[in-house]
Protein backbone atom coordinates (compact mmCIF):
# COMPACT_ATOMS: atom_id res chain seq x y z
CA MET A 1 86.61 93.45 89.42
CA ILE A 2 83.79 95.51 87.96
CA TRP A 3 80.19 95.97 89.02
CA LEU A 4 77.50 94.93 86.55
CA GLU A 5 73.76 95.64 86.70
CA VAL A 6 72.10 92.28 87.46
CA GLY A 7 68.74 93.49 88.84
CA ASN A 8 67.86 93.15 92.54
CA VAL A 9 66.09 89.80 92.73
CA GLY A 10 67.67 86.41 93.16
CA HIS A 11 67.51 83.07 94.96
CA VAL A 12 69.16 81.79 98.09
CA HIS A 13 72.01 79.38 97.14
CA THR A 14 73.12 78.70 100.74
CA TRP A 15 73.10 80.48 104.11
CA THR A 16 74.54 80.27 107.66
CA GLU A 17 73.62 81.87 110.94
CA VAL A 18 76.70 83.40 112.66
CA VAL A 19 76.34 83.31 116.42
CA GLN A 20 80.03 83.86 117.48
CA ALA A 21 81.35 87.36 116.79
CA VAL A 22 84.25 87.58 114.32
CA ASP A 23 86.93 90.00 115.60
CA THR A 24 87.84 91.28 112.15
CA VAL A 25 84.27 92.35 111.22
CA GLU A 26 83.30 95.57 112.99
CA GLY A 27 79.71 96.68 113.35
CA LEU A 28 78.06 93.18 113.01
CA ARG A 29 76.06 92.17 116.05
CA THR A 30 75.46 88.48 116.47
CA PRO A 31 73.50 86.61 115.66
CA TYR A 32 73.20 87.42 111.96
CA VAL A 33 72.48 85.49 108.79
CA ALA A 34 74.97 85.54 105.88
CA ALA A 35 73.96 83.98 102.53
CA LEU A 36 75.17 83.39 99.01
CA ILE A 37 72.55 84.74 96.59
CA THR A 38 72.26 83.87 92.92
CA PRO A 39 71.00 86.91 91.06
CA MET A 40 68.36 86.25 88.37
CA GLY A 41 70.37 88.50 86.03
CA ALA A 42 73.60 86.48 86.57
CA PRO A 43 72.66 82.83 87.12
CA ASP A 44 76.27 81.65 87.37
CA ALA A 45 77.20 84.17 90.08
CA ARG A 46 77.04 83.80 93.87
CA ILE A 47 77.08 87.08 95.81
CA PRO A 48 77.62 87.12 99.59
CA MET A 49 75.02 89.16 101.40
CA LEU A 50 73.69 89.81 104.93
CA ALA A 51 70.09 89.39 105.93
CA ALA A 52 68.34 92.75 106.50
CA GLU A 53 66.31 93.43 109.61
CA CYS A 54 63.11 92.44 107.79
CA ALA A 55 64.46 88.99 106.81
CA ARG A 56 63.67 85.72 108.51
CA ILE A 57 65.78 82.59 108.18
CA PRO A 58 65.70 81.93 104.45
CA ALA A 59 65.01 78.62 102.70
CA ILE A 60 67.37 77.33 100.02
CA GLY A 61 65.97 78.38 96.63
CA GLU A 62 63.72 81.09 98.15
CA GLU A 63 63.32 84.27 96.08
CA VAL A 64 64.78 87.32 97.78
CA ALA A 65 65.25 91.03 96.89
CA PHE A 66 68.56 92.70 97.68
CA GLU A 67 69.94 96.19 97.96
CA VAL A 68 73.50 97.64 97.69
CA THR A 69 74.37 100.40 100.18
CA ASP A 70 77.51 102.45 100.12
CA THR A 71 78.75 103.59 103.57
CA ALA A 72 81.95 105.05 104.88
CA ALA A 73 83.04 101.51 105.79
CA GLY A 74 82.46 100.24 102.26
CA ARG A 75 79.78 98.55 100.22
CA THR A 76 77.19 96.34 101.90
CA ILE A 77 74.55 94.10 100.23
CA THR A 78 71.53 93.05 102.20
CA PHE A 79 68.61 90.82 101.32
CA CYS A 80 65.00 90.40 102.44
CA GLN A 81 62.17 88.12 101.31
CA HIS A 82 60.87 89.19 97.93
CA THR A 83 57.27 90.37 97.80
CA ARG A 84 55.60 90.86 94.49
């Protein structure tokens, strides 16, 4: 797998709200929203992301901005509603 630059704006393909903690995922407090986002720069891709603190429940097809963050635990991608 390689990382390609695809910009930081995309559209919500699908999402779910997780209300029951998953034992294998440390550091995620429930409830949280996980989504598959289609980046504008890679229209055939679906990237799993978590909703950032600023995000509300997204609508399918809604435009969002996302950010990649590297931490000691690994790489995290979060999204928030896109404002122009």
